[in-house]
Amino acid sequence: MAFHAPDAKRMLDERGYTGPTIHSTNPLHLLEKPVRDRITESYYWKEQCFALSASTLCDKAASLTYIGGTYGQQKPTPFLCLLFKLLQLLPEREIILLYLRQTEFKYLSALAAFYIRLTWEAKEVFEVLEPLLGDFRKLRRRTREGGWRITWMDQFVDDLLVKDRVCATSLRKLPSRMILEDLGQLEVRVSPLGDEIEEIDRDEEEDAGERGSGGSDVEEVNGHGDS
């Protein structure tokens, strides 16, 4: 069950921590210490994240307008602060799935996807996040330099699945999907573009065949004409 505390100090106290663990470690330690320190010292954390619960955090995340890690003078984004709060609260999985699968607030979905990548096991990460590879909603992303760029939900989720670092956060290495398929933990993934790709292949084969037959006709005509 969620470990509730008014702030993160109890969970960050490394002296004999006995609370819940994720991947055999203190959940807050899934973020690196310099990032944790910047979060807990930030204005947003102190003013906006104090005493949030799973339900009130949902409301706060619904008001997000961009994703990102740290920027400028290593200032943490609200997105990263709320991720840290989720690691403190450890909501039930059903709640995280509700965050992920609702369709009204895209940044809440992105936050849930990030949390799942950090905390769930590899098989579950692939099973739950891969459907979002077909989600093409635009996301604003704060860059490390403090600027902005546009990305998309499917690209963000793909980064979570294949990269070792996203939004100023080192990610636990996932085994490749092929390995999990070989172990029988995952079914072979069928691309949602599979039918379109097959149709393109068929069209290319037909075009190649027509070009080939056209070339033969030309040769026969030329041969007849030369005689």
C-alpha atoms as a PDB file:
ATOM      1  CA  MET A   1       0.000   0.000   0.000  1.00  0.00           C
ATOM      2  CA  ALA A   2       1.127   3.581  -0.488  1.00  0.00           C
ATOM      3  CA  PHE A   3       3.621   4.950   1.983  1.00  0.00           C
ATOM      4  CA  HIS A   4       2.127   8.298   2.991  1.00  0.00           C
ATOM      5  CA  ALA A   5       4.229  11.066   4.507  1.00  0.00           C
ATOM      6  CA  PRO A   6       3.937  14.863   4.299  1.00  0.00           C
ATOM      7  CA  ASP A   7       7.261  15.055   2.522  1.00  0.00           C
ATOM      8  CA  ALA A   8      10.023  12.763   1.306  1.00  0.00           C
ATOM      9  CA  LYS A   9      12.380  13.113   4.272  1.00  0.00           C
ATOM     10  CA  ARG A  10      11.423   9.845   5.969  1.00  0.00           C
ATOM     11  CA  MET A  11      11.848   7.842   2.778  1.00  0.00           C
ATOM     12  CA  LEU A  12      15.110   9.561   1.878  1.00  0.00           C
ATOM     13  CA  ASP A  13      16.622   8.824   5.282  1.00  0.00           C
ATOM     14  CA  GLU A  14      19.135   6.096   4.457  1.00  0.00           C
ATOM     15  CA  ARG A  15      19.598   5.052   8.082  1.00  0.00           C
ATOM     16  CA  GLY A  16      17.840   1.713   8.333  1.00  0.00           C
ATOM     17  CA  TYR A  17      15.122   2.254   5.723  1.00  0.00           C
ATOM     18  CA  THR A  18      12.433  -0.423   6.199  1.00  0.00           C
ATOM     19  CA  GLY A  19       9.650   0.807   3.927  1.00  0.00           C
ATOM     20  CA  PRO A  20       8.394  -0.721   0.679  1.00  0.00           C
ATOM     21  CA  THR A  21      10.931  -1.420  -2.049  1.00  0.00           C
ATOM     22  CA  ILE A  22      10.922  -1.467  -5.846  1.00  0.00           C
ATOM     23  CA  HIS A  23      13.505  -3.636  -7.590  1.00  0.00           C
ATOM     24  CA  SER A  24      14.965  -4.322  -4.129  1.00  0.00           C
ATOM     25  CA  THR A  25      15.646  -0.657  -3.431  1.00  0.00           C
ATOM     26  CA  ASN A  26      14.062   2.382  -1.830  1.00  0.00           C
ATOM     27  CA  PRO A  27      11.663   3.650  -4.547  1.00  0.00           C
ATOM     28  CA  LEU A  28      12.908   7.230  -4.291  1.00  0.00           C
ATOM     29  CA  HIS A  29      16.413   6.014  -5.049  1.00  0.00           C
ATOM     30  CA  LEU A  30      15.274   5.081  -8.554  1.00  0.00           C
ATOM     31  CA  LEU A  31      16.131   8.723  -9.266  1.00  0.00           C
ATOM     32  CA  GLU A  32      19.760   9.722  -8.844  1.00  0.00           C
ATOM     33  CA  LYS A  33      20.731  11.665  -5.731  1.00  0.00           C
ATOM     34  CA  PRO A  34      21.556  14.979  -7.467  1.00  0.00           C
ATOM     35  CA  VAL A  35      18.130  14.894  -9.130  1.00  0.00           C
ATOM     36  CA  ARG A  36      16.409  13.992  -5.845  1.00  0.00           C
ATOM     37  CA  ASP A  37      18.132  16.888  -4.105  1.00  0.00           C
ATOM     38  CA  ARG A  38      17.101  19.358  -6.788  1.00  0.00           C
ATOM     39  CA  ILE A  39      13.513  18.149  -6.640  1.00  0.00           C
ATOM     40  CA  THR A  40      13.165  18.422  -2.861  1.00  0.00           C
ATOM     41  CA  GLU A  41      14.760  21.877  -2.917  1.00  0.00           C
ATOM     42  CA  SER A  42      12.544  23.178  -5.717  1.00  0.00           C
ATOM     43  CA  TYR A  43       9.684  25.615  -5.289  1.00  0.00           C
ATOM     44  CA  TYR A  44       7.252  23.369  -7.160  1.00  0.00           C
ATOM     45  CA  TRP A  45       7.931  20.442  -4.834  1.00  0.00           C
ATOM     46  CA  LYS A  46       7.595  22.494  -1.675  1.00  0.00           C
ATOM     47  CA  GLU A  47       4.517  24.449  -2.759  1.00  0.00           C
ATOM     48  CA  GLN A  48       2.646  22.111  -5.103  1.00  0.00           C
ATOM     49  CA  CYS A  49       3.512  18.568  -4.033  1.00  0.00           C
ATOM     50  CA  PHE A  50       3.061  18.873  -0.277  1.00  0.00           C
ATOM     51  CA  ALA A  51       0.553  16.313   1.065  1.00  0.00           C
ATOM     52  CA  LEU A  52      -0.597  15.174  -2.367  1.00  0.00           C
ATOM     53  CA  SER A  53      -2.491  11.882  -2.464  1.00  0.00           C
ATOM     54  CA  ALA A  54      -3.022   9.603  -5.452  1.00  0.00           C
ATOM     55  CA  SER A  55      -6.305  11.367  -6.270  1.00  0.00           C
ATOM     56  CA  THR A  56      -5.077  14.935  -5.820  1.00  0.00           C
ATOM     57  CA  LEU A  57      -1.893  14.132  -7.742  1.00  0.00           C
ATOM     58  CA  CYS A  58      -4.127  13.113 -10.633  1.00  0.00           C
ATOM     59  CA  ASP A  59      -5.663  16.588 -10.610  1.00  0.00           C
ATOM     60  CA  LYS A  60      -2.220  18.193 -10.466  1.00  0.00           C
ATOM     61  CA  ALA A  61      -0.906  16.066 -13.356  1.00  0.00           C
ATOM     62  CA  ALA A  62      -3.973  16.915 -15.422  1.00  0.00           C
ATOM     63  CA  SER A  63      -2.791  20.533 -15.426  1.00  0.00           C
ATOM     64  CA  LEU A  64       0.692  19.706 -16.793  1.00  0.00           C
ATOM     65  CA  THR A  65       1.567  21.304 -20.121  1.00  0.00           C
ATOM     66  CA  TYR A  66       4.884  19.629 -20.952  1.00  0.00           C
ATOM     67  CA  ILE A  67       7.218  16.744 -20.132  1.00  0.00           C
ATOM     68  CA  GLY A  68      10.920  16.899 -19.353  1.00  0.00           C
ATOM     69  CA  GLY A  69      13.621  16.280 -16.789  1.00  0.00           C
ATOM     70  CA  THR A  70      15.816  19.157 -15.663  1.00  0.00           C
ATOM     71  CA  TYR A  71      16.581  22.365 -17.534  1.00  0.00           C
ATOM     72  CA  GLY A  72      18.573  25.574 -17.278  1.00  0.00           C
ATOM     73  CA  GLN A  73      20.450  25.509 -13.967  1.00  0.00           C
ATOM     74  CA  GLN A  74      19.345  21.898 -13.417  1.00  0.00           C
ATOM     75  CA  LYS A  75      15.860  22.989 -12.370  1.00  0.00           C
ATOM     76  CA  PRO A  76      13.433  20.026 -12.218  1.00  0.00           C
ATOM     77  CA  THR A  77      10.252  20.196 -14.268  1.00  0.00           C
ATOM     78  CA  PRO A  78       6.847  19.748 -12.620  1.00  0.00           C
ATOM     79  CA  PHE A  79       6.630  16.497 -14.618  1.00  0.00           C
ATOM     80  CA  LEU A  80       9.720  15.143 -12.854  1.00  0.00           C
ATOM     81  CA  CYS A  81       8.539  16.372  -9.454  1.00  0.00           C
ATOM     82  CA  LEU A  82       5.242  14.541  -9.843  1.00  0.00           C
ATOM     83  CA  LEU A  83       7.070  11.391 -10.882  1.00  0.00           C
ATOM     84  CA  PHE A  84       9.061  11.650  -7.646  1.00  0.00           C
ATOM     85  CA  LYS A  85       5.815  12.078  -5.724  1.00  0.00           C
ATOM     86  CA  LEU A  86       4.411   8.950  -7.343  1.00  0.00           C
ATOM     87  CA  LEU A  87       7.498   7.066  -6.163  1.00  0.00           C
ATOM     88  CA  GLN A  88       6.738   8.290  -2.673  1.00  0.00           C
ATOM     89  CA  LEU A  89       3.042   7.390  -2.793  1.00  0.00           C
ATOM     90  CA  LEU A  90       3.345   4.067  -4.660  1.00  0.00           C
ATOM     91  CA  PRO A  91      -0.291   3.969  -5.797  1.00  0.00           C
ATOM     92  CA  GLU A  92      -2.055   0.682  -6.495  1.00  0.00           C
ATOM     93  CA  ARG A  93      -1.510  -0.632 -10.010  1.00  0.00           C
ATOM     94  CA  GLU A  94      -5.159  -0.182 -10.899  1.00  0.00           C
ATOM     95  CA  ILE A  95      -4.797   3.538 -10.219  1.00  0.00           C
ATOM     96  CA  ILE A  96      -1.697   3.807 -12.409  1.00  0.00           C
ATOM     97  CA  LEU A  97      -3.525   2.005 -15.214  1.00  0.00           C
ATOM     98  CA  LEU A  98      -6.404   4.454 -14.886  1.00  0.00           C
ATOM     99  CA  TYR A  99      -3.909   7.312 -15.201  1.00  0.00           C
ATOM    100  CA  LEU A 100      -2.383   5.659 -18.268  1.00  0.00           C
ATOM    101  CA  ARG A 101      -5.530   4.697 -20.159  1.00  0.00           C
ATOM    102  CA  GLN A 102      -7.698   7.769 -19.663  1.00  0.00           C
ATOM    103  CA  THR A 103      -7.716   9.807 -22.847  1.00  0.00           C
ATOM    104  CA  GLU A 104      -8.507  13.332 -21.701  1.00  0.00           C
ATOM    105  CA  PHE A 105      -5.168  14.322 -20.160  1.00  0.00           C
ATOM    106  CA  LYS A 106      -2.192  13.270 -22.263  1.00  0.00           C
ATOM    107  CA  TYR A 107       0.474  14.417 -19.808  1.00  0.00           C
ATOM    108  CA  LEU A 108      -1.101  12.279 -17.093  1.00  0.00           C
ATOM    109  CA  SER A 109      -0.797   9.304 -19.449  1.00  0.00           C
ATOM    110  CA  ALA A 110       2.836  10.186 -20.132  1.00  0.00           C
ATOM    111  CA  LEU A 111       3.539  10.437 -16.394  1.00  0.00           C
ATOM    112  CA  ALA A 112       1.982   7.018 -15.771  1.00  0.00           C
ATOM    113  CA  ALA A 113       4.007   5.511 -18.628  1.00  0.00           C
ATOM    114  CA  PHE A 114       7.228   6.893 -17.119  1.00  0.00           C
ATOM    115  CA  TYR A 115       6.328   5.517 -13.680  1.00  0.00           C
ATOM    116  CA  ILE A 116       5.530   2.084 -15.131  1.00  0.00           C
ATOM    117  CA  ARG A 117       8.868   1.997 -16.981  1.00  0.00           C
ATOM    118  CA  LEU A 118      10.707   2.779 -13.753  1.00  0.00           C
ATOM    119  CA  THR A 119       8.874   0.457 -11.388  1.00  0.00           C
ATOM    120  CA  TRP A 120       7.251  -2.511 -13.154  1.00  0.00           C
ATOM    121  CA  GLU A 121       8.875  -5.699 -14.396  1.00  0.00           C
ATOM    122  CA  ALA A 122      10.053  -5.955 -18.001  1.00  0.00           C
ATOM    123  CA  LYS A 123       7.254  -8.233 -19.226  1.00  0.00           C
ATOM    124  CA  GLU A 124       4.604  -5.891 -17.839  1.00  0.00           C
ATOM    125  CA  VAL A 125       6.376  -2.826 -19.193  1.00  0.00           C
ATOM    126  CA  PHE A 126       6.190  -4.163 -22.752  1.00  0.00           C
ATOM    127  CA  GLU A 127       2.641  -5.449 -22.426  1.00  0.00           C
ATOM    128  CA  VAL A 128       1.255  -2.232 -20.959  1.00  0.00           C
ATOM    129  CA  LEU A 129       3.255   0.403 -22.843  1.00  0.00           C
ATOM    130  CA  GLU A 130       3.387  -1.050 -26.353  1.00  0.00           C
ATOM    131  CA  PRO A 131      -0.246  -0.117 -27.144  1.00  0.00           C
ATOM    132  CA  LEU A 132       0.832   3.521 -26.773  1.00  0.00           C
ATOM    133  CA  LEU A 133       3.130   3.088 -29.785  1.00  0.00           C
ATOM    134  CA  GLY A 134      -0.043   3.749 -31.746  1.00  0.00           C
ATOM    135  CA  ASP A 135      -0.791   6.959 -29.832  1.00  0.00           C
ATOM    136  CA  PHE A 136       0.193   9.968 -31.935  1.00  0.00           C
ATOM    137  CA  ARG A 137      -0.806  12.807 -29.619  1.00  0.00           C
ATOM    138  CA  LYS A 138       1.644  15.707 -29.607  1.00  0.00           C
ATOM    139  CA  LEU A 139       3.633  16.471 -26.458  1.00  0.00           C
ATOM    140  CA  ARG A 140       5.675  19.541 -25.600  1.00  0.00           C
ATOM    141  CA  ARG A 141       9.073  18.729 -24.148  1.00  0.00           C
ATOM    142  CA  ARG A 142      11.337  21.034 -22.139  1.00  0.00           C
ATOM    143  CA  THR A 143      14.932  20.649 -23.280  1.00  0.00           C
ATOM    144  CA  ARG A 144      17.986  20.731 -21.036  1.00  0.00           C
ATOM    145  CA  GLU A 145      18.850  24.147 -22.437  1.00  0.00           C
ATOM    146  CA  GLY A 146      15.477  25.491 -21.347  1.00  0.00           C
ATOM    147  CA  GLY A 147      13.952  25.575 -24.818  1.00  0.00           C
ATOM    148  CA  TRP A 148      11.048  23.625 -26.255  1.00  0.00           C
ATOM    149  CA  ARG A 149      10.499  20.974 -28.841  1.00  0.00           C
ATOM    150  CA  ILE A 150       7.581  18.888 -30.039  1.00  0.00           C
ATOM    151  CA  THR A 151       7.521  15.134 -29.652  1.00  0.00           C
ATOM    152  CA  TRP A 152       4.735  12.580 -29.778  1.00  0.00           C
ATOM    153  CA  MET A 153       3.404  10.047 -27.313  1.00  0.00           C
ATOM    154  CA  ASP A 154       4.540   7.094 -29.414  1.00  0.00           C
ATOM    155  CA  GLN A 155       8.070   8.541 -29.630  1.00  0.00           C
ATOM    156  CA  PHE A 156       8.179   9.169 -25.888  1.00  0.00           C
ATOM    157  CA  VAL A 157       7.073   5.591 -25.166  1.00  0.00           C
ATOM    158  CA  ASP A 158       9.569   4.232 -27.688  1.00  0.00           C
ATOM    159  CA  ASP A 159      12.310   6.162 -25.864  1.00  0.00           C
ATOM    160  CA  LEU A 160      11.186   4.576 -22.597  1.00  0.00           C
ATOM    161  CA  LEU A 161      11.421   1.112 -24.151  1.00  0.00           C
ATOM    162  CA  VAL A 162      14.774   1.428 -25.909  1.00  0.00           C
ATOM    163  CA  LYS A 163      16.831   4.145 -24.185  1.00  0.00           C
ATOM    164  CA  ASP A 164      18.842   3.996 -20.971  1.00  0.00           C
ATOM    165  CA  ARG A 165      18.155   7.611 -19.978  1.00  0.00           C
ATOM    166  CA  VAL A 166      15.000   9.697 -20.404  1.00  0.00           C
ATOM    167  CA  CYS A 167      14.051  13.019 -18.773  1.00  0.00           C
ATOM    168  CA  ALA A 168      17.230  13.263 -16.667  1.00  0.00           C
ATOM    169  CA  THR A 169      16.577   9.773 -15.304  1.00  0.00           C
ATOM    170  CA  SER A 170      18.708   6.659 -15.686  1.00  0.00           C
ATOM    171  CA  LEU A 171      16.471   3.727 -16.530  1.00  0.00           C
ATOM    172  CA  ARG A 172      16.945   0.155 -15.395  1.00  0.00           C
ATOM    173  CA  LYS A 173      18.040  -1.837 -18.435  1.00  0.00           C
ATOM    174  CA  LEU A 174      15.280  -3.874 -20.023  1.00  0.00           C
ATOM    175  CA  PRO A 175      15.975  -7.218 -21.676  1.00  0.00           C
ATOM    176  CA  SER A 176      15.218  -7.023 -25.375  1.00  0.00           C
ATOM    177  CA  ARG A 177      11.767  -7.943 -26.542  1.00  0.00           C
ATOM    178  CA  MET A 178      13.241 -10.779 -28.603  1.00  0.00           C
ATOM    179  CA  ILE A 179      14.741 -12.343 -25.482  1.00  0.00           C
ATOM    180  CA  LEU A 180      11.400 -12.185 -23.684  1.00  0.00           C
ATOM    181  CA  GLU A 181       9.745 -13.762 -26.729  1.00  0.00           C
ATOM    182  CA  ASP A 182      12.338 -16.569 -26.749  1.00  0.00           C
ATOM    183  CA  LEU A 183      11.657 -17.161 -23.045  1.00  0.00           C
ATOM    184  CA  GLY A 184       7.949 -17.432 -23.774  1.00  0.00           C
ATOM    185  CA  GLN A 185       7.102 -14.406 -21.626  1.00  0.00           C
ATOM    186  CA  LEU A 186       5.777 -12.323 -24.533  1.00  0.00           C
ATOM    187  CA  GLU A 187       3.851 -13.159 -27.666  1.00  0.00           C
ATOM    188  CA  VAL A 188       5.417 -12.092 -30.951  1.00  0.00           C
ATOM    189  CA  ARG A 189       4.321  -8.518 -31.511  1.00  0.00           C
ATOM    190  CA  VAL A 190       2.209  -7.850 -34.581  1.00  0.00           C
ATOM    191  CA  SER A 191       2.790  -4.362 -35.919  1.00  0.00           C
ATOM    192  CA  PRO A 192      -0.373  -2.270 -36.315  1.00  0.00           C
ATOM    193  CA  LEU A 193       1.078  -1.320 -39.721  1.00  0.00           C
ATOM    194  CA  GLY A 194       1.405  -4.954 -40.759  1.00  0.00           C
ATOM    195  CA  ASP A 195      -1.486  -4.949 -43.247  1.00  0.00           C
ATOM    196  CA  GLU A 196      -0.347  -1.676 -44.808  1.00  0.00           C
ATOM    197  CA  ILE A 197       3.223  -2.960 -45.179  1.00  0.00           C
ATOM    198  CA  GLU A 198       1.999  -6.160 -46.811  1.00  0.00           C
ATOM    199  CA  GLU A 199      -0.127  -4.142 -49.254  1.00  0.00           C
ATOM    200  CA  ILE A 200       2.864  -1.938 -50.139  1.00  0.00           C
ATOM    201  CA  ASP A 201       4.999  -5.069 -50.712  1.00  0.00           C
ATOM    202  CA  ARG A 202       2.324  -6.536 -52.992  1.00  0.00           C
ATOM    203  CA  ASP A 203       2.093  -3.300 -54.992  1.00  0.00           C
ATOM    204  CA  GLU A 204       5.868  -3.206 -55.405  1.00  0.00           C
ATOM    205  CA  GLU A 205       5.922  -6.835 -56.576  1.00  0.00           C
ATOM    206  CA  GLU A 206       3.143  -6.128 -59.089  1.00  0.00           C
ATOM    207  CA  ASP A 207       4.970  -3.029 -60.375  1.00  0.00           C
ATOM    208  CA  ALA A 208       8.183  -5.032 -60.730  1.00  0.00           C
ATOM    209  CA  GLY A 209       6.318  -7.750 -62.615  1.00  0.00           C
ATOM    210  CA  GLU A 210       4.734  -5.259 -64.979  1.00  0.00           C
ATOM    211  CA  ARG A 211       8.088  -3.622 -65.652  1.00  0.00           C
ATOM    212  CA  GLY A 212       9.608  -7.035 -66.348  1.00  0.00           C
ATOM    213  CA  SER A 213       6.894  -8.095 -68.763  1.00  0.00           C
ATOM    214  CA  GLY A 214       7.018  -4.690 -70.466  1.00  0.00           C
ATOM    215  CA  GLY A 215      10.734  -5.109 -71.054  1.00  0.00           C
ATOM    216  CA  SER A 216      10.165  -8.526 -72.716  1.00  0.00           C
ATOM    217  CA  ASP A 217       7.568  -7.060 -75.073  1.00  0.00           C
ATOM    218  CA  VAL A 218       9.984  -4.344 -76.139  1.00  0.00           C
ATOM    219  CA  GLU A 219      12.693  -6.883 -76.844  1.00  0.00           C
ATOM    220  CA  GLU A 220      10.371  -8.977 -78.994  1.00  0.00           C
ATOM    221  CA  VAL A 221       9.182  -5.934 -80.948  1.00  0.00           C
ATOM    222  CA  ASN A 222      12.722  -4.731 -81.483  1.00  0.00           C
ATOM    223  CA  GLY A 223      13.830  -8.170 -82.548  1.00  0.00           C
ATOM    224  CA  HIS A 224      10.988  -8.405 -85.057  1.00  0.00           C
ATOM    225  CA  GLY A 225      11.744  -4.986 -86.406  1.00  0.00           C
ATOM    226  CA  ASP A 226      15.468  -5.753 -86.845  1.00  0.00           C
ATOM    227  CA  SER A 227      14.763  -8.792 -88.927  1.00  0.00           C
END
